[in-house]
Amino acid sequence: MGYDPEIHHRRSIRLEGRDYSRAGVYFVTICTQGHLSLFGKIENGEMNINQAGVMVQRQWNDLLVRFDTIKLHEFIVMPNHFHGIIEIVGVPLVGTQKSMRGPHTVGDVVGAFKSLSTNEYILGVKNNNWPRFNKYLWQQNYFEHIIRNEKSYLKISEYIRTNPSRWSEDKYYQ
């Protein structure tokens, strides 16, 4: 069956008209495909990450090397999802290789994170017997929220920090 726009359409969940490369602070949630718990487990209200979870943390932190227009704030690896705050700080310095490609968006950052962590996870499956996944490590899309003020930032930061203590109430809990 070929492409049929009546059947094969995807509606964007991004804010219409928003330039996601402009300076701003964004809260993102990225879920594993099928909500598989691959990155550790919650014990006594604390997240105990496994080797795969350590790799996800490292890949997140390594985004700072790839993107000179971001700052990373609060984040947490959960058993089957990831929460993080990304700040787009502005355009790269003139003359840098990254500026030649134009400004990066939140989607670029999340896409790189998902791709790099998936590739490394596949190596972990092959070399370290990490649990397998079916086709995709991460869900195709991700959730984002534009953080517009300090009150919202503090509330979201607290939510991220305390997420493990509320695991049994979490919508991603299995």
Protein backbone atom coordinates (compact mmCIF):
# COMPACT_ATOMS: atom_id res chain seq x y z
CA MET A 1 0.00 0.00 0.00
CA GLY A 2 1.37 3.44 -0.96
CA TYR A 3 1.22 6.67 0.98
CA ASP A 4 -2.34 7.82 1.67
CA PRO A 5 -2.51 11.20 3.48
CA GLU A 6 -5.93 10.28 4.88
CA ILE A 7 -4.46 7.25 6.66
CA HIS A 8 -0.73 7.93 7.00
CA HIS A 9 -0.69 11.35 8.57
CA ARG A 10 1.09 12.39 11.71
CA ARG A 11 0.02 15.43 13.60
CA SER A 12 2.85 17.33 15.25
CA ILE A 13 2.64 17.71 19.00
CA ARG A 14 4.99 20.71 18.88
CA LEU A 15 3.72 24.23 19.48
CA GLU A 16 2.69 25.61 16.10
CA GLY A 17 4.85 28.50 14.99
CA ARG A 18 7.48 27.93 17.70
CA ASP A 19 11.10 28.18 16.58
CA TYR A 20 12.72 25.42 18.63
CA SER A 21 16.20 26.70 17.76
CA ARG A 22 15.70 30.00 19.55
CA ALA A 23 16.92 30.55 23.08
CA GLY A 24 14.69 28.92 25.66
CA VAL A 25 14.42 26.22 28.30
CA TYR A 26 12.65 22.96 27.51
CA PHE A 27 11.55 19.98 29.61
CA VAL A 28 11.70 16.74 27.60
CA THR A 29 10.50 13.22 28.31
CA ILE A 30 11.70 10.37 26.12
CA CYS A 31 10.18 6.90 26.55
CA THR A 32 11.47 3.48 25.57
CA GLN A 33 9.50 1.74 22.86
CA GLY A 34 6.84 -0.40 24.53
CA HIS A 35 7.83 1.13 27.91
CA LEU A 36 10.42 -1.61 28.41
CA SER A 37 12.32 -1.18 31.68
CA LEU A 38 15.89 -1.37 30.37
CA PHE A 39 17.87 1.14 32.41
CA GLY A 40 17.60 -0.11 35.99
CA LYS A 41 14.96 -0.29 38.68
CA ILE A 42 13.47 1.71 41.50
CA GLU A 43 14.30 0.40 44.96
CA ASN A 44 13.17 2.14 48.15
CA GLY A 45 12.20 5.24 46.20
CA GLU A 46 15.59 5.60 44.49
CA MET A 47 16.64 4.90 40.93
CA ASN A 48 19.37 2.27 40.72
CA ILE A 49 20.68 2.48 37.18
CA ASN A 50 22.32 -0.47 35.49
CA GLN A 51 25.10 -0.37 32.87
CA ALA A 52 22.63 0.68 30.20
CA GLY A 53 21.37 3.49 32.43
CA VAL A 54 24.94 4.67 33.01
CA MET A 55 25.41 4.73 29.23
CA VAL A 56 22.23 6.81 28.80
CA GLN A 57 23.50 9.30 31.40
CA ARG A 58 26.85 9.55 29.63
CA GLN A 59 25.26 10.03 26.21
CA TRP A 60 23.11 12.82 27.64
CA ASN A 61 26.10 14.60 29.18
CA ASP A 62 28.14 14.11 25.97
CA LEU A 63 25.59 16.22 24.08
CA LEU A 64 27.47 19.23 25.41
CA VAL A 65 30.43 18.22 23.21
CA ARG A 66 28.24 17.90 20.11
CA PHE A 67 26.16 21.05 20.56
CA ASP A 68 27.75 24.36 21.55
CA THR A 69 24.37 26.07 21.78
CA ILE A 70 22.95 24.11 24.70
CA LYS A 71 23.18 23.79 28.45
CA LEU A 72 21.88 20.72 30.25
CA HIS A 73 20.09 21.12 33.54
CA GLU A 74 18.34 18.63 35.82
CA PHE A 75 17.81 15.13 34.37
CA ILE A 76 17.10 11.59 35.45
CA VAL A 77 17.24 8.16 33.86
CA MET A 78 14.21 6.12 34.90
CA PRO A 79 13.66 2.39 34.23
CA ASN A 80 11.76 3.01 30.98
CA HIS A 81 12.00 6.72 30.27
CA PHE A 82 14.16 9.78 30.61
CA HIS A 83 13.42 13.30 31.83
CA GLY A 84 15.72 16.23 31.17
CA ILE A 85 15.85 19.99 30.88
CA ILE A 86 17.62 21.43 27.83
CA GLU A 87 18.45 25.08 27.49
CA ILE A 88 19.06 26.47 24.02
CA VAL A 89 21.42 29.38 24.73
CA GLY A 90 21.80 30.92 21.30
CA VAL A 91 23.59 30.66 18.02
CA PRO A 92 27.12 29.23 17.87
CA LEU A 93 30.16 31.41 17.45
CA VAL A 94 30.77 32.66 13.91
CA GLY A 95 33.28 30.51 12.06
CA THR A 96 32.77 27.32 14.04
CA GLN A 97 31.89 24.17 12.14
CA LYS A 98 28.55 23.94 13.95
CA SER A 99 27.52 27.45 12.87
CA MET A 100 27.92 26.39 9.24
CA ARG A 101 24.98 24.02 9.67
CA GLY A 102 22.72 26.63 11.18
CA PRO A 103 21.15 26.75 14.60
CA HIS A 104 20.23 23.48 16.30
CA THR A 105 16.74 22.74 17.55
CA VAL A 106 15.51 20.81 20.56
CA GLY A 107 14.57 18.10 18.06
CA ASP A 108 18.16 17.95 16.79
CA VAL A 109 19.45 17.47 20.33
CA VAL A 110 16.87 14.82 21.23
CA GLY A 111 17.39 13.06 17.88
CA ALA A 112 21.16 12.89 18.40
CA PHE A 113 20.67 11.59 21.94
CA LYS A 114 18.26 8.88 20.80
CA SER A 115 20.48 7.82 17.88
CA LEU A 116 23.73 7.72 19.82
CA SER A 117 22.23 5.93 22.82
CA THR A 118 20.48 3.41 20.55
CA ASN A 119 23.72 2.60 18.74
CA GLU A 120 25.58 2.12 22.00
CA TYR A 121 22.71 0.10 23.47
CA ILE A 122 22.89 -2.27 20.47
CA LEU A 123 26.58 -2.81 21.26
CA GLY A 124 25.61 -3.55 24.86
CA VAL A 125 23.13 -6.17 23.67
CA LYS A 126 25.83 -7.81 21.55
CA ASN A 127 28.74 -7.52 23.99
CA ASN A 128 27.20 -7.37 27.46
CA ASN A 129 23.95 -9.32 27.14
CA TRP A 130 21.77 -6.28 27.80
CA PRO A 131 18.06 -7.02 27.29
CA ARG A 132 16.95 -6.89 23.67
CA PHE A 133 14.37 -4.50 22.30
CA ASN A 134 12.09 -4.83 19.29
CA LYS A 135 13.07 -2.55 16.36
CA TYR A 136 13.42 0.72 18.29
CA LEU A 137 14.96 1.52 21.64
CA TRP A 138 13.04 4.79 21.99
CA GLN A 139 9.55 5.79 20.94
CA GLN A 140 9.53 7.74 17.71
CA ASN A 141 8.34 10.94 19.30
CA TYR A 142 9.09 12.67 22.59
CA PHE A 143 7.25 15.02 24.88
CA GLU A 144 8.43 18.58 25.44
CA HIS A 145 7.23 21.49 27.47
CA ILE A 146 8.49 25.05 27.13
CA ILE A 147 9.55 26.34 30.55
CA ARG A 148 8.47 29.97 30.62
CA ASN A 149 9.42 31.19 34.09
CA GLU A 150 11.46 30.41 37.20
CA LYS A 151 8.47 29.07 39.16
CA SER A 152 7.79 26.51 36.43
CA TYR A 153 11.50 25.66 36.19
CA LEU A 154 11.74 25.00 39.93
CA LYS A 155 8.56 22.87 39.92
CA ILE A 156 9.81 20.76 36.98
CA SER A 157 13.29 20.39 38.50
CA GLU A 158 11.70 19.13 41.72
CA TYR A 159 9.50 16.75 39.70
CA ILE A 160 12.59 15.30 37.99
CA ARG A 161 14.53 14.92 41.26
CA THR A 162 11.66 13.25 43.08
CA ASN A 163 10.39 11.11 40.20
CA PRO A 164 11.77 7.83 41.62
CA SER A 165 9.95 8.33 44.93
CA ARG A 166 6.64 8.49 43.03
CA TRP A 167 7.39 5.59 40.68
CA SER A 168 4.32 3.53 41.54
CA GLU A 169 2.14 6.56 40.68
CA ASP A 170 4.04 7.30 37.44
CA LYS A 171 2.14 6.85 34.18
CA TYR A 172 5.18 4.98 32.80
CA TYR A 173 5.25 2.55 35.75
CA GLN A 174 4.94 -1.12 34.87
